[in-house]
Amino acid sequence: MSDHVEVEESGPDRRSVMKAAALVVVPVAGVGAVAACSSSSSSGGSSSGNGTVVVPSSSVPVGGGYIDKSNNVVVTQPQAGVFKAFTAVCTHQGCTVGGVTNNRIVCPCHGSVFSAQDGSVINGPAASPLAAMTAKVNGANVDVTGSSS
């Protein structure tokens, strides 16, 4: 004779455990994605701690720009000695813009193109311009203030 005992399991079912795991994993993965997107550009923008981003003017070529990914700022020089600043966050789906050439700010995610002069949309899918920030020459630097989000 064998004693066969059925044990009824108690506690959460598999579906509940998987849902809970997803709630933990997704935010953690999101932090990694944000960290990956926030690496700074190589040639020198910095935050002064008072909300001002300082970019060496020598890092901003005429007709081009400098993207400070850690501060979400893009500084352009559409004409010699004229500096403009915008948020580096594309208005289409929140990607960080990837480059500035020929007075055009380009988002690598979906191909939106913005004017380096005023941040307006040149080519979609973005429908809204990049938010303007204040760029002020301060010696050999450009001080950028305003909201970058």
N, C-alpha and C. Protein backbone atom coordinates (compact mmCIF):
# COMPACT_ATOMS: atom_id res chain seq x y z
N MET A 1 0.81 -1.17 0.00
CA MET A 1 0.00 0.00 0.00
C MET A 1 0.86 1.24 0.00
N SER A 2 0.54 2.13 -0.86
CA SER A 2 1.32 3.35 -0.81
C SER A 2 0.45 4.50 -0.36
N ASP A 3 1.07 5.34 0.38
CA ASP A 3 0.35 6.55 0.81
C ASP A 3 0.58 7.63 -0.22
N HIS A 4 -0.46 7.99 -0.89
CA HIS A 4 -0.37 9.05 -1.89
C HIS A 4 -1.07 10.28 -1.34
N VAL A 5 -0.34 11.33 -1.21
CA VAL A 5 -0.91 12.54 -0.66
C VAL A 5 -0.85 13.63 -1.72
N GLU A 6 -1.96 14.23 -2.02
CA GLU A 6 -1.98 15.37 -2.94
C GLU A 6 -1.77 16.63 -2.14
N VAL A 7 -0.87 17.42 -2.61
CA VAL A 7 -0.59 18.69 -1.94
C VAL A 7 -1.17 19.79 -2.79
N GLU A 8 -1.95 20.62 -2.19
CA GLU A 8 -2.53 21.77 -2.90
C GLU A 8 -1.61 22.95 -2.67
N GLU A 9 -1.12 23.51 -3.77
CA GLU A 9 -0.21 24.64 -3.64
C GLU A 9 -1.00 25.90 -3.33
N SER A 10 -0.40 26.71 -2.48
CA SER A 10 -1.02 28.00 -2.20
C SER A 10 -0.05 29.09 -2.62
N GLY A 11 -0.52 30.30 -2.72
CA GLY A 11 0.33 31.41 -3.14
C GLY A 11 -0.05 31.87 -4.52
N PRO A 12 0.72 32.77 -5.07
CA PRO A 12 0.37 33.35 -6.37
C PRO A 12 0.54 32.35 -7.50
N ASP A 13 -0.31 32.49 -8.50
CA ASP A 13 -0.17 31.63 -9.67
C ASP A 13 0.93 32.17 -10.58
N ARG A 14 1.29 31.40 -11.59
CA ARG A 14 2.38 31.76 -12.50
C ARG A 14 2.13 33.10 -13.18
N ARG A 15 0.91 33.35 -13.62
CA ARG A 15 0.58 34.59 -14.31
C ARG A 15 0.83 35.80 -13.40
N SER A 16 0.45 35.71 -12.14
CA SER A 16 0.66 36.82 -11.20
C SER A 16 2.15 37.08 -10.98
N VAL A 17 2.92 35.99 -10.89
CA VAL A 17 4.36 36.13 -10.70
C VAL A 17 4.98 36.81 -11.92
N MET A 18 4.58 36.42 -13.12
CA MET A 18 5.14 37.01 -14.35
C MET A 18 4.78 38.48 -14.47
N LYS A 19 3.55 38.84 -14.11
CA LYS A 19 3.16 40.25 -14.16
C LYS A 19 4.00 41.06 -13.19
N ALA A 20 4.20 40.55 -11.99
CA ALA A 20 5.01 41.26 -11.00
C ALA A 20 6.45 41.41 -11.47
N ALA A 21 6.99 40.37 -12.09
CA ALA A 21 8.35 40.44 -12.60
C ALA A 21 8.46 41.49 -13.70
N ALA A 22 7.46 41.56 -14.56
CA ALA A 22 7.48 42.55 -15.64
C ALA A 22 7.45 43.97 -15.08
N LEU A 23 6.72 44.17 -14.02
CA LEU A 23 6.65 45.50 -13.41
C LEU A 23 7.99 45.92 -12.82
N VAL A 24 8.79 44.95 -12.41
CA VAL A 24 10.11 45.25 -11.87
C VAL A 24 11.13 45.41 -12.99
N VAL A 25 11.10 44.53 -13.98
CA VAL A 25 12.10 44.53 -15.05
C VAL A 25 11.97 45.74 -15.96
N VAL A 26 10.77 46.13 -16.34
CA VAL A 26 10.59 47.23 -17.29
C VAL A 26 11.18 48.54 -16.76
N PRO A 27 10.87 48.98 -15.52
CA PRO A 27 11.49 50.22 -15.05
C PRO A 27 13.01 50.12 -14.97
N VAL A 28 13.55 48.97 -14.57
CA VAL A 28 14.99 48.82 -14.48
C VAL A 28 15.60 48.91 -15.86
N ALA A 29 14.98 48.27 -16.86
CA ALA A 29 15.48 48.36 -18.23
C ALA A 29 15.40 49.79 -18.73
N GLY A 30 14.34 50.50 -18.35
CA GLY A 30 14.18 51.89 -18.76
C GLY A 30 15.31 52.75 -18.23
N VAL A 31 15.75 52.49 -16.99
CA VAL A 31 16.86 53.25 -16.42
C VAL A 31 18.11 53.02 -17.24
N GLY A 32 18.34 51.78 -17.67
CA GLY A 32 19.50 51.50 -18.52
C GLY A 32 19.43 52.24 -19.83
N ALA A 33 18.23 52.30 -20.43
CA ALA A 33 18.07 53.00 -21.70
C ALA A 33 18.31 54.49 -21.53
N VAL A 34 17.81 55.06 -20.44
CA VAL A 34 18.04 56.49 -20.19
C VAL A 34 19.52 56.74 -19.98
N ALA A 35 20.17 55.87 -19.22
CA ALA A 35 21.60 56.05 -18.99
C ALA A 35 22.37 55.96 -20.30
N ALA A 36 21.96 55.04 -21.17
CA ALA A 36 22.65 54.88 -22.45
C ALA A 36 22.46 56.11 -23.32
N CYS A 37 21.30 56.75 -23.24
CA CYS A 37 21.04 57.93 -24.06
C CYS A 37 21.67 59.18 -23.49
N SER A 38 22.17 59.12 -22.27
CA SER A 38 22.62 60.36 -21.65
C SER A 38 24.13 60.50 -21.65
N SER A 39 24.84 59.74 -22.45
CA SER A 39 26.28 59.90 -22.51
C SER A 39 26.60 61.24 -23.16
N SER A 40 27.60 61.91 -22.65
CA SER A 40 27.87 63.26 -23.14
C SER A 40 28.71 63.22 -24.41
N SER A 41 28.65 64.30 -25.14
CA SER A 41 29.47 64.43 -26.34
C SER A 41 30.92 64.59 -25.92
N SER A 42 31.82 64.37 -26.84
CA SER A 42 33.22 64.22 -26.48
C SER A 42 33.99 65.51 -26.27
N SER A 43 33.53 66.64 -26.79
CA SER A 43 34.44 67.78 -26.75
C SER A 43 34.03 68.91 -25.82
N GLY A 44 33.31 68.63 -24.75
CA GLY A 44 33.36 69.55 -23.66
C GLY A 44 32.23 70.37 -23.16
N GLY A 45 30.96 70.11 -23.33
CA GLY A 45 29.93 70.89 -22.67
C GLY A 45 29.87 70.49 -21.21
N SER A 46 29.50 71.43 -20.35
CA SER A 46 29.38 71.10 -18.94
C SER A 46 28.26 71.93 -18.33
N SER A 47 27.77 71.44 -17.21
CA SER A 47 26.73 72.15 -16.50
C SER A 47 27.38 72.90 -15.36
N SER A 48 26.98 74.14 -15.15
CA SER A 48 27.60 74.94 -14.10
C SER A 48 26.96 74.72 -12.74
N GLY A 49 25.91 73.93 -12.68
CA GLY A 49 25.25 73.68 -11.41
C GLY A 49 24.12 74.66 -11.13
N ASN A 50 24.05 75.75 -11.84
CA ASN A 50 22.98 76.72 -11.61
C ASN A 50 21.98 76.72 -12.75
N GLY A 51 21.95 75.63 -13.51
CA GLY A 51 21.01 75.54 -14.62
C GLY A 51 21.58 76.05 -15.93
N THR A 52 22.83 76.50 -15.90
CA THR A 52 23.48 76.98 -17.12
C THR A 52 24.39 75.90 -17.67
N VAL A 53 24.25 75.61 -18.96
CA VAL A 53 25.14 74.67 -19.62
C VAL A 53 26.19 75.51 -20.35
N VAL A 54 27.45 75.19 -20.12
CA VAL A 54 28.56 75.95 -20.70
C VAL A 54 29.19 75.10 -21.81
N VAL A 55 29.22 75.67 -23.01
CA VAL A 55 29.78 74.97 -24.17
C VAL A 55 30.89 75.84 -24.76
N PRO A 56 32.09 75.29 -24.95
CA PRO A 56 33.15 76.08 -25.60
C PRO A 56 32.70 76.49 -27.01
N SER A 57 32.79 77.77 -27.31
CA SER A 57 32.35 78.23 -28.64
C SER A 57 33.16 77.57 -29.75
N SER A 58 34.39 77.16 -29.45
CA SER A 58 35.22 76.48 -30.45
C SER A 58 34.66 75.10 -30.81
N SER A 59 33.74 74.57 -30.01
CA SER A 59 33.11 73.27 -30.29
C SER A 59 31.92 73.38 -31.24
N VAL A 60 31.57 74.62 -31.61
CA VAL A 60 30.37 74.85 -32.42
C VAL A 60 30.78 75.43 -33.76
N PRO A 61 30.92 74.59 -34.80
CA PRO A 61 31.36 75.11 -36.10
C PRO A 61 30.26 75.93 -36.79
N VAL A 62 30.67 76.86 -37.62
CA VAL A 62 29.73 77.65 -38.41
C VAL A 62 28.98 76.70 -39.34
N GLY A 63 27.65 76.80 -39.34
CA GLY A 63 26.82 75.92 -40.15
C GLY A 63 26.57 74.57 -39.50
N GLY A 64 27.18 74.37 -38.35
CA GLY A 64 27.04 73.10 -37.65
C GLY A 64 26.59 73.33 -36.22
N GLY A 65 26.93 72.40 -35.36
CA GLY A 65 26.50 72.53 -33.99
C GLY A 65 27.20 71.56 -33.07
N TYR A 66 26.84 71.66 -31.81
CA TYR A 66 27.38 70.81 -30.75
C TYR A 66 26.21 70.26 -29.96
N ILE A 67 26.18 68.96 -29.75
CA ILE A 67 25.11 68.33 -28.99
C ILE A 67 25.66 67.85 -27.66
N ASP A 68 25.13 68.40 -26.58
CA ASP A 68 25.49 67.97 -25.23
C ASP A 68 24.39 67.02 -24.78
N LYS A 69 24.61 65.72 -24.96
CA LYS A 69 23.59 64.72 -24.68
C LYS A 69 23.30 64.60 -23.19
N SER A 70 24.29 64.85 -22.35
CA SER A 70 24.05 64.72 -20.91
C SER A 70 23.13 65.82 -20.39
N ASN A 71 23.08 66.94 -21.08
CA ASN A 71 22.20 68.05 -20.67
C ASN A 71 21.05 68.29 -21.64
N ASN A 72 20.93 67.44 -22.67
CA ASN A 72 19.87 67.56 -23.69
C ASN A 72 19.82 68.94 -24.33
N VAL A 73 20.98 69.42 -24.75
CA VAL A 73 21.10 70.74 -25.35
C VAL A 73 21.84 70.62 -26.69
N VAL A 74 21.36 71.36 -27.68
CA VAL A 74 22.09 71.49 -28.94
C VAL A 74 22.36 72.98 -29.16
N VAL A 75 23.63 73.30 -29.43
CA VAL A 75 24.03 74.69 -29.70
C VAL A 75 24.47 74.75 -31.15
N THR A 76 23.95 75.72 -31.89
CA THR A 76 24.29 75.86 -33.30
C THR A 76 24.92 77.23 -33.54
N GLN A 77 25.59 77.33 -34.68
CA GLN A 77 26.16 78.61 -35.13
C GLN A 77 25.79 78.77 -36.61
N PRO A 78 24.54 79.21 -36.86
CA PRO A 78 24.08 79.31 -38.25
C PRO A 78 24.88 80.31 -39.09
N GLN A 79 25.42 81.35 -38.43
CA GLN A 79 26.29 82.32 -39.09
C GLN A 79 27.44 82.60 -38.14
N ALA A 80 28.56 83.01 -38.67
CA ALA A 80 29.72 83.27 -37.83
C ALA A 80 29.36 84.25 -36.70
N GLY A 81 29.63 83.85 -35.47
CA GLY A 81 29.40 84.70 -34.31
C GLY A 81 27.97 84.71 -33.78
N VAL A 82 27.05 84.02 -34.46
CA VAL A 82 25.65 83.95 -34.02
C VAL A 82 25.39 82.54 -33.48
N PHE A 83 25.07 82.46 -32.19
CA PHE A 83 24.84 81.16 -31.56
C PHE A 83 23.37 81.03 -31.16
N LYS A 84 22.84 79.84 -31.39
CA LYS A 84 21.45 79.52 -31.03
C LYS A 84 21.49 78.25 -30.19
N ALA A 85 20.48 78.08 -29.35
CA ALA A 85 20.41 76.87 -28.53
C ALA A 85 18.98 76.35 -28.48
N PHE A 86 18.87 75.03 -28.44
CA PHE A 86 17.57 74.36 -28.42
C PHE A 86 17.69 73.12 -27.56
N THR A 87 16.54 72.60 -27.16
CA THR A 87 16.55 71.29 -26.54
C THR A 87 17.00 70.29 -27.59
N ALA A 88 17.75 69.27 -27.16
CA ALA A 88 18.22 68.24 -28.09
C ALA A 88 17.24 67.08 -28.18
N VAL A 89 16.06 67.24 -27.58
CA VAL A 89 15.06 66.19 -27.56
C VAL A 89 14.09 66.40 -28.72
N CYS A 90 14.08 65.45 -29.65
CA CYS A 90 13.21 65.54 -30.82
C CYS A 90 11.74 65.56 -30.38
N THR A 91 10.97 66.42 -31.00
CA THR A 91 9.55 66.56 -30.65
C THR A 91 8.69 65.44 -31.20
N HIS A 92 9.26 64.57 -32.04
CA HIS A 92 8.46 63.47 -32.60
C HIS A 92 8.24 62.37 -31.56
N GLN A 93 9.32 61.75 -31.08
CA GLN A 93 9.16 60.68 -30.11
C GLN A 93 10.21 60.72 -29.01
N GLY A 94 10.85 61.87 -28.82
CA GLY A 94 11.74 62.04 -27.68
C GLY A 94 13.16 61.53 -27.83
N CYS A 95 13.58 61.18 -29.02
CA CYS A 95 14.97 60.76 -29.23
C CYS A 95 15.87 61.98 -29.10
N THR A 96 17.14 61.75 -28.87
CA THR A 96 18.11 62.84 -28.85
C THR A 96 18.59 63.05 -30.28
N VAL A 97 18.60 64.32 -30.72
CA VAL A 97 19.06 64.61 -32.07
C VAL A 97 20.50 64.13 -32.21
N GLY A 98 20.89 63.82 -33.44
CA GLY A 98 22.16 63.15 -33.63
C GLY A 98 23.26 63.96 -34.29
N GLY A 99 22.94 65.06 -34.95
CA GLY A 99 23.98 65.81 -35.63
C GLY A 99 23.46 67.11 -36.21
N VAL A 100 24.41 68.00 -36.49
CA VAL A 100 24.08 69.29 -37.10
C VAL A 100 25.05 69.53 -38.24
N THR A 101 24.52 69.59 -39.47
CA THR A 101 25.32 69.92 -40.64
C THR A 101 24.49 70.77 -41.59
N ASN A 102 25.16 71.64 -42.31
CA ASN A 102 24.49 72.50 -43.28
C ASN A 102 23.29 73.22 -42.67
N ASN A 103 23.45 73.69 -41.43
CA ASN A 103 22.40 74.42 -40.70
C ASN A 103 21.12 73.61 -40.52
N ARG A 104 21.29 72.29 -40.41
CA ARG A 104 20.15 71.40 -40.19
C ARG A 104 20.46 70.48 -39.01
N ILE A 105 19.53 70.40 -38.09
CA ILE A 105 19.64 69.51 -36.94
C ILE A 105 18.86 68.25 -37.31
N VAL A 106 19.52 67.09 -37.25
CA VAL A 106 18.91 65.85 -37.71
C VAL A 106 18.71 64.88 -36.55
N CYS A 107 17.52 64.30 -36.51
CA CYS A 107 17.23 63.25 -35.54
C CYS A 107 17.44 61.90 -36.22
N PRO A 108 18.29 61.05 -35.68
CA PRO A 108 18.58 59.77 -36.34
C PRO A 108 17.47 58.73 -36.22
N CYS A 109 16.54 58.90 -35.30
CA CYS A 109 15.53 57.86 -35.06
C CYS A 109 14.54 57.71 -36.21
N HIS A 110 13.96 58.82 -36.66
CA HIS A 110 12.94 58.73 -37.71
C HIS A 110 13.14 59.76 -38.82
N GLY A 111 14.27 60.45 -38.81
CA GLY A 111 14.60 61.34 -39.91
C GLY A 111 14.07 62.75 -39.84
N SER A 112 13.56 63.18 -38.70
CA SER A 112 13.11 64.57 -38.60
C SER A 112 14.30 65.50 -38.76
N VAL A 113 14.07 66.64 -39.41
CA VAL A 113 15.11 67.64 -39.63
C VAL A 113 14.58 68.99 -39.16
N PHE A 114 15.43 69.71 -38.40
CA PHE A 114 15.06 71.01 -37.84
C PHE A 114 16.04 72.08 -38.29
N SER A 115 15.59 73.32 -38.33
CA SER A 115 16.45 74.45 -38.69
C SER A 115 17.40 74.77 -37.54
N ALA A 116 18.68 74.96 -37.87
CA ALA A 116 19.66 75.35 -36.87
C ALA A 116 19.52 76.83 -36.51
N GLN A 117 18.74 77.57 -37.29
CA GLN A 117 18.52 78.99 -37.05
C GLN A 117 17.43 79.22 -35.99
N ASP A 118 16.32 78.48 -36.12
CA ASP A 118 15.20 78.75 -35.20
C ASP A 118 14.53 77.50 -34.64
N GLY A 119 15.05 76.32 -34.96
CA GLY A 119 14.50 75.07 -34.43
C GLY A 119 13.23 74.59 -35.12
N SER A 120 12.79 75.30 -36.15
CA SER A 120 11.56 74.92 -36.84
C SER A 120 11.75 73.61 -37.61
N VAL A 121 10.63 72.94 -37.87
CA VAL A 121 10.66 71.66 -38.59
C VAL A 121 10.89 71.93 -40.08
N ILE A 122 11.91 71.30 -40.63
CA ILE A 122 12.18 71.36 -42.07
C ILE A 122 11.58 70.13 -42.74
N ASN A 123 11.69 68.98 -42.04
CA ASN A 123 11.18 67.72 -42.57
C ASN A 123 10.70 66.86 -41.41
N GLY A 124 9.48 66.29 -41.52
CA GLY A 124 8.89 65.47 -40.47
C GLY A 124 9.50 64.09 -40.44
N PRO A 125 8.97 63.29 -39.55
CA PRO A 125 7.63 63.27 -39.01
C PRO A 125 7.35 64.23 -37.85
N ALA A 126 8.36 64.84 -37.26
CA ALA A 126 8.09 65.79 -36.18
C ALA A 126 7.20 66.91 -36.72
N ALA A 127 6.23 67.33 -35.90
CA ALA A 127 5.32 68.39 -36.31
C ALA A 127 5.58 69.69 -35.55
N SER A 128 6.32 69.61 -34.44
CA SER A 128 6.58 70.78 -33.60
C SER A 128 8.06 71.10 -33.62
N PRO A 129 8.41 72.39 -33.49
CA PRO A 129 9.82 72.79 -33.48
C PRO A 129 10.52 72.36 -32.19
N LEU A 130 11.84 72.36 -32.23
CA LEU A 130 12.61 72.16 -31.02
C LEU A 130 12.43 73.38 -30.13
N ALA A 131 12.33 73.18 -28.83
CA ALA A 131 12.16 74.29 -27.90
C ALA A 131 13.43 75.13 -27.85
N ALA A 132 13.26 76.43 -28.03
CA ALA A 132 14.40 77.35 -28.00
C ALA A 132 14.88 77.56 -26.57
N MET A 133 16.18 77.73 -26.45
CA MET A 133 16.81 78.07 -25.19
C MET A 133 17.61 79.35 -25.42
N THR A 134 18.15 79.92 -24.38
CA THR A 134 18.92 81.15 -24.51
C THR A 134 20.41 80.82 -24.62
N ALA A 135 21.05 81.33 -25.67
CA ALA A 135 22.49 81.15 -25.86
C ALA A 135 23.16 82.52 -25.77
N LYS A 136 24.11 82.65 -24.85
CA LYS A 136 24.80 83.94 -24.65
C LYS A 136 26.30 83.69 -24.64
N VAL A 137 27.01 84.43 -25.51
CA VAL A 137 28.46 84.29 -25.57
C VAL A 137 29.04 84.90 -24.28
N ASN A 138 29.93 84.14 -23.65
CA ASN A 138 30.57 84.57 -22.42
C ASN A 138 32.06 84.22 -22.55
N GLY A 139 32.83 85.17 -23.09
CA GLY A 139 34.25 84.91 -23.34
C GLY A 139 34.40 83.87 -24.44
N ALA A 140 35.10 82.78 -24.11
CA ALA A 140 35.33 81.70 -25.09
C ALA A 140 34.25 80.64 -25.03
N ASN A 141 33.19 80.91 -24.28
CA ASN A 141 32.12 79.92 -24.10
C ASN A 141 30.77 80.47 -24.55
N VAL A 142 29.85 79.55 -24.71
CA VAL A 142 28.45 79.90 -24.91
C VAL A 142 27.71 79.37 -23.70
N ASP A 143 27.04 80.26 -22.97
CA ASP A 143 26.24 79.86 -21.82
C ASP A 143 24.81 79.65 -22.29
N VAL A 144 24.27 78.48 -21.99
CA VAL A 144 22.92 78.13 -22.40
C VAL A 144 22.04 78.01 -21.17
N THR A 145 20.91 78.72 -21.21
CA THR A 145 19.95 78.65 -20.12
C THR A 145 18.56 78.40 -20.68
N GLY A 146 17.70 77.92 -19.84
CA GLY A 146 16.32 77.63 -20.25
C GLY A 146 16.06 76.15 -20.04
N SER A 147 14.84 75.76 -20.30
CA SER A 147 14.43 74.37 -20.08
C SER A 147 14.87 73.50 -21.25
N SER A 148 15.50 72.36 -20.94
CA SER A 148 15.94 71.44 -21.99
C SER A 148 15.09 70.18 -22.05
N SER A 149 13.95 70.19 -21.36
CA SER A 149 13.12 68.98 -21.38
C SER A 149 11.87 69.18 -22.17
